[in-house]
C-alpha atoms as a PDB file:
ATOM      1  CA  MET A   1     162.732 100.809  73.716  1.00  0.00           C
ATOM      2  CA  PHE A   2     163.707  98.894  76.994  1.00  0.00           C
ATOM      3  CA  ASP A   3     163.420 102.014  79.273  1.00  0.00           C
ATOM      4  CA  ALA A   4     160.000 102.672  77.566  1.00  0.00           C
ATOM      5  CA  ASP A   5     158.665  99.195  78.309  1.00  0.00           C
ATOM      6  CA  GLU A   6     159.929  99.287  81.805  1.00  0.00           C
ATOM      7  CA  LYS A   7     158.354 102.494  82.629  1.00  0.00           C
ATOM      8  CA  LEU A   8     154.827 101.135  81.135  1.00  0.00           C
ATOM      9  CA  HIS A   9     155.476  97.965  83.373  1.00  0.00           C
ATOM     10  CA  GLN A  10     155.832 100.226  86.382  1.00  0.00           C
ATOM     11  CA  ARG A  11     152.892 102.351  85.600  1.00  0.00           C
ATOM     12  CA  LEU A  12     150.751  99.011  85.009  1.00  0.00           C
ATOM     13  CA  ALA A  13     151.884  97.380  88.085  1.00  0.00           C
ATOM     14  CA  PRO A  14     149.419  98.909  90.705  1.00  0.00           C
ATOM     15  CA  ARG A  15     146.513  98.087  88.558  1.00  0.00           C
ATOM     16  CA  LEU A  16     147.282  94.527  87.892  1.00  0.00           C
ATOM     17  CA  GLN A  17     147.863  93.164  91.342  1.00  0.00           C
ATOM     18  CA  ARG A  18     144.764  90.886  91.209  1.00  0.00           C
ATOM     19  CA  VAL A  19     143.823  89.249  87.849  1.00  0.00           C
ATOM     20  CA  LEU A  20     141.110  86.758  87.295  1.00  0.00           C
ATOM     21  CA  ILE A  21     141.314  84.565  84.079  1.00  0.00           C
ATOM     22  CA  VAL A  22     138.402  82.601  82.898  1.00  0.00           C
ATOM     23  CA  ASP A  23     139.125  79.898  80.336  1.00  0.00           C
ATOM     24  CA  PRO A  24     138.364  76.218  80.102  1.00  0.00           C
ATOM     25  CA  GLN A  25     141.733  75.516  78.283  1.00  0.00           C
ATOM     26  CA  PRO A  26     144.596  75.070  80.850  1.00  0.00           C
ATOM     27  CA  ALA A  27     147.252  75.552  78.246  1.00  0.00           C
ATOM     28  CA  SER A  28     145.805  78.983  77.370  1.00  0.00           C
ATOM     29  CA  VAL A  29     145.384  79.932  80.922  1.00  0.00           C
ATOM     30  CA  LYS A  30     149.052  79.109  81.507  1.00  0.00           C
ATOM     31  CA  LEU A  31     150.275  81.139  78.396  1.00  0.00           C
ATOM     32  CA  LEU A  32     148.399  84.116  79.650  1.00  0.00           C
ATOM     33  CA  GLY A  33     149.436  83.860  83.043  1.00  0.00           C
ATOM     34  CA  ASP A  34     153.149  83.545  82.060  1.00  0.00           C
ATOM     35  CA  LEU A  35     152.890  86.522  79.894  1.00  0.00           C
ATOM     36  CA  LEU A  36     151.136  88.627  82.616  1.00  0.00           C
ATOM     37  CA  ARG A  37     153.943  87.487  85.267  1.00  0.00           C
ATOM     38  CA  SER A  38     156.759  88.705  82.846  1.00  0.00           C
ATOM     39  CA  ILE A  39     155.188  92.130  82.783  1.00  0.00           C
ATOM     40  CA  VAL A  40     154.322  92.489  86.584  1.00  0.00           C
ATOM     41  CA  SER A  41     154.423  90.778  89.863  1.00  0.00           C
ATOM     42  CA  THR A  42     150.756  89.790  90.184  1.00  0.00           C
ATOM     43  CA  GLN A  43     148.348  87.304  91.959  1.00  0.00           C
ATOM     44  CA  ILE A  44     146.294  85.352  89.465  1.00  0.00           C
ATOM     45  CA  VAL A  45     143.211  83.109  90.093  1.00  0.00           C
ATOM     46  CA  THR A  46     141.571  81.044  87.261  1.00  0.00           C
ATOM     47  CA  ALA A  47     138.126  79.661  86.694  1.00  0.00           C
ATOM     48  CA  PRO A  48     137.118  77.198  84.068  1.00  0.00           C
ATOM     49  CA  ASN A  49     133.431  78.262  83.541  1.00  0.00           C
ATOM     50  CA  ASP A  50     131.194  81.063  84.163  1.00  0.00           C
ATOM     51  CA  ALA A  51     129.759  79.795  87.560  1.00  0.00           C
ATOM     52  CA  LYS A  52     133.123  79.521  89.098  1.00  0.00           C
ATOM     53  CA  ALA A  53     134.025  82.838  87.689  1.00  0.00           C
ATOM     54  CA  LEU A  54     131.210  84.494  89.495  1.00  0.00           C
ATOM     55  CA  GLN A  55     132.130  82.969  92.895  1.00  0.00           C
ATOM     56  CA  LEU A  56     135.855  83.964  92.529  1.00  0.00           C
ATOM     57  CA  ALA A  57     134.777  87.595  91.201  1.00  0.00           C
ATOM     58  CA  ALA A  58     132.833  88.098  94.328  1.00  0.00           C
ATOM     59  CA  VAL A  59     135.358  87.259  96.852  1.00  0.00           C
ATOM     60  CA  PHE A  60     138.701  87.978  94.996  1.00  0.00           C
ATOM     61  CA  ASP A  61     137.792  91.503  93.757  1.00  0.00           C
ATOM     62  CA  PRO A  62     139.998  91.351  90.582  1.00  0.00           C
ATOM     63  CA  GLN A  63     141.321  94.544  89.196  1.00  0.00           C
ATOM     64  CA  ILE A  64     141.271  93.072  85.683  1.00  0.00           C
ATOM     65  CA  ILE A  65     139.342  90.117  84.151  1.00  0.00           C
ATOM     66  CA  PHE A  66     140.136  88.071  81.182  1.00  0.00           C
ATOM     67  CA  VAL A  67     137.404  85.943  79.711  1.00  0.00           C
ATOM     68  CA  GLU A  68     137.567  83.389  76.772  1.00  0.00           C
ATOM     69  CA  HIS A  69     134.576  84.189  74.427  1.00  0.00           C
ATOM     70  CA  SER A  70     133.096  80.538  74.473  1.00  0.00           C
ATOM     71  CA  GLY A  71     133.718  77.054  75.639  1.00  0.00           C
ATOM     72  CA  LEU A  72     132.444  74.233  77.700  1.00  0.00           C
ATOM     73  CA  HIS A  73     129.890  75.878  80.293  1.00  0.00           C
ATOM     74  CA  MET A  74     131.426  79.178  79.180  1.00  0.00           C
ATOM     75  CA  ASN A  75     129.748  82.199  77.535  1.00  0.00           C
ATOM     76  CA  GLY A  76     132.071  85.351  77.945  1.00  0.00           C
ATOM     77  CA  ALA A  77     129.508  87.768  76.892  1.00  0.00           C
ATOM     78  CA  LYS A  78     127.034  86.341  79.206  1.00  0.00           C
ATOM     79  CA  LEU A  79     129.591  86.533  81.990  1.00  0.00           C
ATOM     80  CA  ALA A  80     130.600  89.985  81.386  1.00  0.00           C
ATOM     81  CA  ARG A  81     126.993  90.977  81.420  1.00  0.00           C
ATOM     82  CA  ALA A  82     126.315  89.390  84.611  1.00  0.00           C
ATOM     83  CA  ILE A  83     129.424  91.114  86.378  1.00  0.00           C
ATOM     84  CA  ARG A  84     128.447  94.280  85.273  1.00  0.00           C
ATOM     85  CA  ARG A  85     124.943  94.064  86.746  1.00  0.00           C
ATOM     86  CA  SER A  86     126.171  92.449  89.796  1.00  0.00           C
ATOM     87  CA  GLU A  87     126.705  94.061  93.332  1.00  0.00           C
ATOM     88  CA  PHE A  88     130.488  92.943  93.086  1.00  0.00           C
ATOM     89  CA  ALA A  89     132.927  95.516  93.983  1.00  0.00           C
ATOM     90  CA  CYS A  90     134.636  94.603  90.768  1.00  0.00           C
ATOM     91  CA  ARG A  91     131.646  95.233  88.711  1.00  0.00           C
ATOM     92  CA  LYS A  92     133.558  98.120  86.888  1.00  0.00           C
ATOM     93  CA  ALA A  93     136.808  96.225  86.401  1.00  0.00           C
ATOM     94  CA  PRO A  94     138.125  96.190  82.935  1.00  0.00           C
ATOM     95  CA  ILE A  95     137.048  93.028  80.982  1.00  0.00           C
ATOM     96  CA  ILE A  96     139.272  91.885  78.042  1.00  0.00           C
ATOM     97  CA  MET A  97     137.603  89.074  76.009  1.00  0.00           C
ATOM     98  CA  VAL A  98     140.265  86.512  74.449  1.00  0.00           C
ATOM     99  CA  THR A  99     139.335  84.457  71.549  1.00  0.00           C
ATOM    100  CA  GLY A 100     140.369  82.916  68.171  1.00  0.00           C
ATOM    101  CA  GLU A 101     136.866  83.910  66.867  1.00  0.00           C
ATOM    102  CA  ALA A 102     136.955  87.478  66.309  1.00  0.00           C
ATOM    103  CA  THR A 103     134.131  87.898  64.066  1.00  0.00           C
ATOM    104  CA  ALA A 104     132.218  91.077  63.625  1.00  0.00           C
ATOM    105  CA  GLY A 105     129.194  89.527  65.609  1.00  0.00           C
ATOM    106  CA  ALA A 106     131.644  88.465  68.502  1.00  0.00           C
ATOM    107  CA  ILE A 107     132.921  91.770  68.730  1.00  0.00           C
ATOM    108  CA  LEU A 108     129.644  93.677  68.833  1.00  0.00           C
ATOM    109  CA  GLY A 109     128.276  91.046  71.192  1.00  0.00           C
ATOM    110  CA  ALA A 110     131.225  91.558  73.494  1.00  0.00           C
ATOM    111  CA  ARG A 111     130.892  95.427  73.285  1.00  0.00           C
ATOM    112  CA  ASP A 112     127.234  95.246  74.013  1.00  0.00           C
ATOM    113  CA  ALA A 113     128.036  93.106  77.113  1.00  0.00           C
ATOM    114  CA  GLY A 114     130.270  95.717  78.709  1.00  0.00           C
ATOM    115  CA  VAL A 115     133.594  94.344  77.630  1.00  0.00           C
ATOM    116  CA  HIS A 116     136.571  96.891  77.420  1.00  0.00           C
ATOM    117  CA  GLU A 117     138.882  95.247  74.749  1.00  0.00           C
ATOM    118  CA  PHE A 118     139.110  92.148  72.448  1.00  0.00           C
ATOM    119  CA  LEU A 119     142.273  90.220  72.288  1.00  0.00           C
ATOM    120  CA  ARG A 120     142.513  87.714  69.319  1.00  0.00           C
ATOM    121  CA  LYS A 121     144.484  84.663  69.429  1.00  0.00           C
ATOM    122  CA  PRO A 122     147.413  84.100  68.676  1.00  0.00           C
ATOM    123  CA  PHE A 123     148.586  87.164  70.297  1.00  0.00           C
ATOM    124  CA  THR A 124     152.151  88.511  71.369  1.00  0.00           C
ATOM    125  CA  ILE A 125     153.172  90.301  74.405  1.00  0.00           C
ATOM    126  CA  LYS A 126     153.025  93.558  72.595  1.00  0.00           C
ATOM    127  CA  ASP A 127     149.453  92.876  71.724  1.00  0.00           C
ATOM    128  CA  LEU A 128     148.694  92.250  75.385  1.00  0.00           C
ATOM    129  CA  LEU A 129     150.490  95.289  76.603  1.00  0.00           C
ATOM    130  CA  ARG A 130     148.522  97.452  74.161  1.00  0.00           C
ATOM    131  CA  ARG A 131     145.304  96.214  75.658  1.00  0.00           C
ATOM    132  CA  LEU A 132     146.510  96.582  79.256  1.00  0.00           C
ATOM    133  CA  GLU A 133     147.357 100.011  78.589  1.00  0.00           C
ATOM    134  CA  ALA A 134     144.318 100.871  77.127  1.00  0.00           C
ATOM    135  CA  VAL A 135     142.188  99.648  79.908  1.00  0.00           C
ATOM    136  CA  ALA A 136     144.297 100.389  82.752  1.00  0.00           C
ATOM    137  CA  LEU A 137     145.847 103.802  81.844  1.00  0.00           C
ATOM    138  CA  LYS A 138     143.339 105.164  79.316  1.00  0.00           C
ATOM    139  CA  PRO A 139     139.959 104.521  81.019  1.00  0.00           C
ATOM    140  CA  ARG A 140     136.792 105.529  79.211  1.00  0.00           C
ATOM    141  CA  ASP A 141     133.743 107.075  80.779  1.00  0.00           C
ATOM    142  CA  TRP A 142     131.202 104.564  82.738  1.00  0.00           C
ATOM    143  CA  VAL A 143     127.877 104.052  81.404  1.00  0.00           C
ATOM    144  CA  GLU A 144     125.321 103.164  83.981  1.00  0.00           C
ATOM    145  CA  ALA A 145     121.958 102.683  82.084  1.00  0.00           C
ATOM    146  CA  VAL A 146     119.299  99.815  82.016  1.00  0.00           C
ATOM    147  CA  GLN A 147     119.964  98.270  78.821  1.00  0.00           C
ATOM    148  CA  TYR A 148     123.702  98.829  78.814  1.00  0.00           C
ATOM    149  CA  VAL A 149     126.307  98.795  81.660  1.00  0.00           C
ATOM    150  CA  GLY A 150     130.022  99.407  80.887  1.00  0.00           C
ATOM    151  CA  PRO A 151     132.471 101.609  79.469  1.00  0.00           C
ATOM    152  CA  ASP A 152     131.447 104.125  76.914  1.00  0.00           C
ATOM    153  CA  ARG A 153     131.199 102.139  73.696  1.00  0.00           C
ATOM    154  CA  ARG A 154     132.305 104.978  71.691  1.00  0.00           C
ATOM    155  CA  ARG A 155     136.089 104.376  71.632  1.00  0.00           C
ATOM    156  CA  PHE A 156     136.939 107.769  70.530  1.00  0.00           C
ATOM    157  CA  ASN A 157     135.492 111.249  71.387  1.00  0.00           C
ATOM    158  CA  SER A 158     133.520 112.288  68.554  1.00  0.00           C
ATOM    159  CA  GLY A 159     132.633 115.833  69.858  1.00  0.00           C
ATOM    160  CA  ASP A 160     134.912 117.471  67.205  1.00  0.00           C
ATOM    161  CA  TYR A 161     133.228 115.661  64.328  1.00  0.00           C
ATOM    162  CA  ALA A 162     131.542 117.846  61.924  1.00  0.00           C
ATOM    163  CA  GLY A 163     130.755 115.642  59.071  1.00  0.00           C
ATOM    164  CA  PRO A 164     127.547 115.245  57.003  1.00  0.00           C
ATOM    165  CA  ARG A 165     126.030 112.679  59.620  1.00  0.00           C
ATOM    166  CA  LYS A 166     126.594 115.063  62.678  1.00  0.00           C
ATOM    167  CA  ARG A 167     123.270 116.485  63.640  1.00  0.00           C
ATOM    168  CA  LYS A 168     122.836 120.440  63.781  1.00  0.00           C
ATOM    169  CA  SER A 169     121.473 120.269  67.068  1.00  0.00           C
ATOM    170  CA  ASP A 170     124.372 118.076  68.284  1.00  0.00           C
ATOM    171  CA  ALA A 171     126.851 120.675  66.914  1.00  0.00           C
ATOM    172  CA  ARG A 172     125.202 123.425  69.033  1.00  0.00           C
ATOM    173  CA  LYS A 173     125.537 121.434  72.288  1.00  0.00           C
ATOM    174  CA  THR A 174     128.045 122.464  74.926  1.00  0.00           C
ATOM    175  CA  PRO A 175     129.673 119.450  76.693  1.00  0.00           C
ATOM    176  CA  ASP A 176     127.531 120.094  79.855  1.00  0.00           C
ATOM    177  CA  GLN A 177     124.226 120.221  77.780  1.00  0.00           C
ATOM    178  CA  ALA A 178     125.254 116.852  76.095  1.00  0.00           C
ATOM    179  CA  ARG A 179     126.105 115.293  79.386  1.00  0.00           C
ATOM    180  CA  LEU A 180     122.675 116.566  80.800  1.00  0.00           C
ATOM    181  CA  ILE A 181     120.812 115.205  77.792  1.00  0.00           C
ATOM    182  CA  GLN A 182     122.589 111.729  78.034  1.00  0.00           C
ATOM    183  CA  ALA A 183     121.707 111.680  81.783  1.00  0.00           C
ATOM    184  CA  LEU A 184     118.104 112.511  81.327  1.00  0.00           C
ATOM    185  CA  LYS A 185     117.640 109.827  78.509  1.00  0.00           C
ATOM    186  CA  ILE A 186     118.829 107.338  80.819  1.00  0.00           C
ATOM    187  CA  VAL A 187     116.728 108.632  83.619  1.00  0.00           C
ATOM    188  CA  ARG A 188     113.724 108.181  81.398  1.00  0.00           C
ATOM    189  CA  ALA A 189     114.480 104.779  80.324  1.00  0.00           C
ATOM    190  CA  ALA A 190     115.198 103.751  84.017  1.00  0.00           C
ATOM    191  CA  ALA A 191     111.829 105.007  84.937  1.00  0.00           C
ATOM    192  CA  GLY A 192     110.325 102.739  82.560  1.00  0.00           C
ATOM    193  CA  ALA A 193     112.015  99.815  84.248  1.00  0.00           C
ATOM    194  CA  LEU A 194     111.254 100.383  87.912  1.00  0.00           C
ATOM    195  CA  ASP A 195     108.971  97.384  87.870  1.00  0.00           C
ATOM    196  CA  SER A 196     110.872  95.010  85.482  1.00  0.00           C
ATOM    197  CA  ASP A 197     114.436  95.418  86.580  1.00  0.00           C
ATOM    198  CA  TRP A 198     114.455  97.561  89.848  1.00  0.00           C
ATOM    199  CA  PRO A 199     118.055  96.906  90.967  1.00  0.00           C
ATOM    200  CA  GLN A 200     119.552  98.166  87.738  1.00  0.00           C
ATOM    201  CA  ALA A 201     117.010 100.831  87.407  1.00  0.00           C
ATOM    202  CA  ARG A 202     117.931 102.130  90.817  1.00  0.00           C
ATOM    203  CA  ARG A 203     121.696 101.901  90.125  1.00  0.00           C
ATOM    204  CA  ALA A 204     121.102 103.850  86.613  1.00  0.00           C
ATOM    205  CA  LEU A 205     119.031 106.488  88.480  1.00  0.00           C
ATOM    206  CA  LEU A 206     121.515 107.152  91.150  1.00  0.00           C
ATOM    207  CA  ALA A 207     124.151 107.365  88.659  1.00  0.00           C
ATOM    208  CA  GLN A 208     122.460 109.880  86.569  1.00  0.00           C
ATOM    209  CA  ALA A 209     121.421 112.068  89.517  1.00  0.00           C
ATOM    210  CA  ALA A 210     125.038 112.285  90.687  1.00  0.00           C
ATOM    211  CA  ASP A 211     125.985 113.213  87.072  1.00  0.00           C
ATOM    212  CA  ILE A 212     123.315 115.686  86.724  1.00  0.00           C
ATOM    213  CA  GLN A 213     124.287 117.330  90.115  1.00  0.00           C
ATOM    214  CA  LYS A 214     127.695 117.939  88.564  1.00  0.00           C
ATOM    215  CA  VAL A 215     126.188 119.596  85.446  1.00  0.00           C
ATOM    216  CA  ALA A 216     124.150 121.752  87.884  1.00  0.00           C
ATOM    217  CA  VAL A 217     127.299 122.897  89.752  1.00  0.00           C
ATOM    218  CA  SER A 218     129.095 123.570  86.366  1.00  0.00           C
ATOM    219  CA  VAL A 219     126.257 125.740  85.048  1.00  0.00           C
ATOM    220  CA  ASN A 220     125.275 127.193  88.547  1.00  0.00           C
ATOM    221  CA  ASP A 221     121.820 125.909  88.504  1.00  0.00           C
ATOM    222  CA  MET A 222     120.659 125.392  92.147  1.00  0.00           C
ATOM    223  CA  THR A 223     117.130 124.506  91.006  1.00  0.00           C
ATOM    224  CA  MET A 224     118.518 121.449  89.105  1.00  0.00           C
ATOM    225  CA  MET A 225     120.865 120.679  91.729  1.00  0.00           C
ATOM    226  CA  THR A 226     118.018 120.625  94.104  1.00  0.00           C
ATOM    227  CA  ALA A 227     115.958 118.360  91.815  1.00  0.00           C
ATOM    228  CA  ALA A 228     118.823 115.933  91.306  1.00  0.00           C
ATOM    229  CA  ALA A 229     119.406 115.795  95.098  1.00  0.00           C
ATOM    230  CA  ALA A 230     115.863 114.971  95.711  1.00  0.00           C
ATOM    231  CA  LEU A 231     116.071 111.961  93.391  1.00  0.00           C
ATOM    232  CA  SER A 232     119.077 110.638  95.163  1.00  0.00           C
ATOM    233  CA  ARG A 233     117.349 111.035  98.509  1.00  0.00           C
ATOM    234  CA  GLN A 234     114.398 108.861  97.246  1.00  0.00           C
ATOM    235  CA  LEU A 235     116.781 106.111  96.216  1.00  0.00           C
ATOM    236  CA  THR A 236     118.798 105.907  99.529  1.00  0.00           C
ATOM    237  CA  ASP A 237     116.532 103.314 100.837  1.00  0.00           C
ATOM    238  CA  GLU A 238     116.819 100.183  99.181  1.00  0.00           C
ATOM    239  CA  ALA A 239     113.135  99.303  99.336  1.00  0.00           C
ATOM    240  CA  VAL A 240     111.797 102.721  98.279  1.00  0.00           C
ATOM    241  CA  SER A 241     108.217 102.202  99.460  1.00  0.00           C
ATOM    242  CA  ASP A 242     106.945 105.396  98.404  1.00  0.00           C
ATOM    243  CA  ARG A 243     106.879 105.032  94.532  1.00  0.00           C
ATOM    244  CA  LEU A 244     104.962 108.207  94.205  1.00  0.00           C
ATOM    245  CA  ALA A 245     107.389 110.410  95.719  1.00  0.00           C
ATOM    246  CA  LEU A 246     109.956 108.542  93.406  1.00  0.00           C
ATOM    247  CA  GLY A 247     107.803 109.359  90.413  1.00  0.00           C
ATOM    248  CA  GLU A 248     107.575 112.825  91.408  1.00  0.00           C
ATOM    249  CA  ALA A 249     111.374 113.286  91.834  1.00  0.00           C
ATOM    250  CA  ILE A 250     111.883 111.651  88.278  1.00  0.00           C
ATOM    251  CA  THR A 251     109.322 114.023  86.893  1.00  0.00           C
ATOM    252  CA  GLY A 252     111.133 116.997  88.601  1.00  0.00           C
ATOM    253  CA  LEU A 253     114.412 116.107  86.438  1.00  0.00           C
ATOM    254  CA  LEU A 254     112.745 115.238  83.283  1.00  0.00           C
ATOM    255  CA  VAL A 255     111.443 118.811  82.969  1.00  0.00           C
ATOM    256  CA  TYR A 256     115.063 119.732  81.926  1.00  0.00           C
ATOM    257  CA  MET A 257     114.995 117.512  78.736  1.00  0.00           C
ATOM    258  CA  PRO A 258     114.973 119.821  75.690  1.00  0.00           C
ATOM    259  CA  LYS A 259     111.704 119.785  73.529  1.00  0.00           C
ATOM    260  CA  GLU A 260     113.609 118.852  70.547  1.00  0.00           C
ATOM    261  CA  GLU A 261     114.773 115.683  72.361  1.00  0.00           C
ATOM    262  CA  LEU A 262     111.429 114.865  73.438  1.00  0.00           C
ATOM    263  CA  ASP A 263     109.913 115.313  70.063  1.00  0.00           C
ATOM    264  CA  ALA A 264     112.679 113.035  68.529  1.00  0.00           C
ATOM    265  CA  ALA A 265     111.825 110.304  71.164  1.00  0.00           C
ATOM    266  CA  ARG A 266     107.952 110.455  70.373  1.00  0.00           C
ATOM    267  CA  ALA A 267     108.957 110.474  66.712  1.00  0.00           C
ATOM    268  CA  ALA A 268     111.206 107.179  67.008  1.00  0.00           C
END
């Protein structure tokens, strides 16, 4: 058991060199910091509230972030959402929410804010290790959309599920088709947010254009690849003054949306 724990610590070490802990309670900060240092040698910075946490996140570039759910001048879900939608280098860093209020509402709120894991107080070093292993060594796909930014909220891959709630159309999709449809749905949503949330709409469109190019390579569709590359080119300029050309590039990709998906969206 000791050897297994030691090997896990060694695997975690490169991913835990810089840690940010956001918690208004000094005792809680010290406990978590001591546990982390018993696992790896790490540099830890702390913040007592959201405002200070954002300042530190911008300059410290933490590899992992622990946030308390709530406290004085502290809202863990709001902080996670702000980091995810920022331009920080650490915007995709794993976020673990720590709290004694592990209600269903708190968990769902944290998940929808882009939090990776939930750690309930009081916790043991084994509880902490399980969360660290999950976020550092078993990363989930990243979702760059408009309404949601963060790790894939589906904790487990449901691709092999064939139960009664599985749609027949889903069962017929190949992984490439499923990936393409998901990307096109995000493109369509981002197109509707160009005026209301331009920074995140642009990030979402860039991410989906890159994803669609990968699908195009996989299925050997050069026309699709050209359309995705055209969208990327339109987004390389931060200002993107030619909205007409951008709209045409988006339309050039949305033609790949299957008719059944379009019909389902209209019916929703």
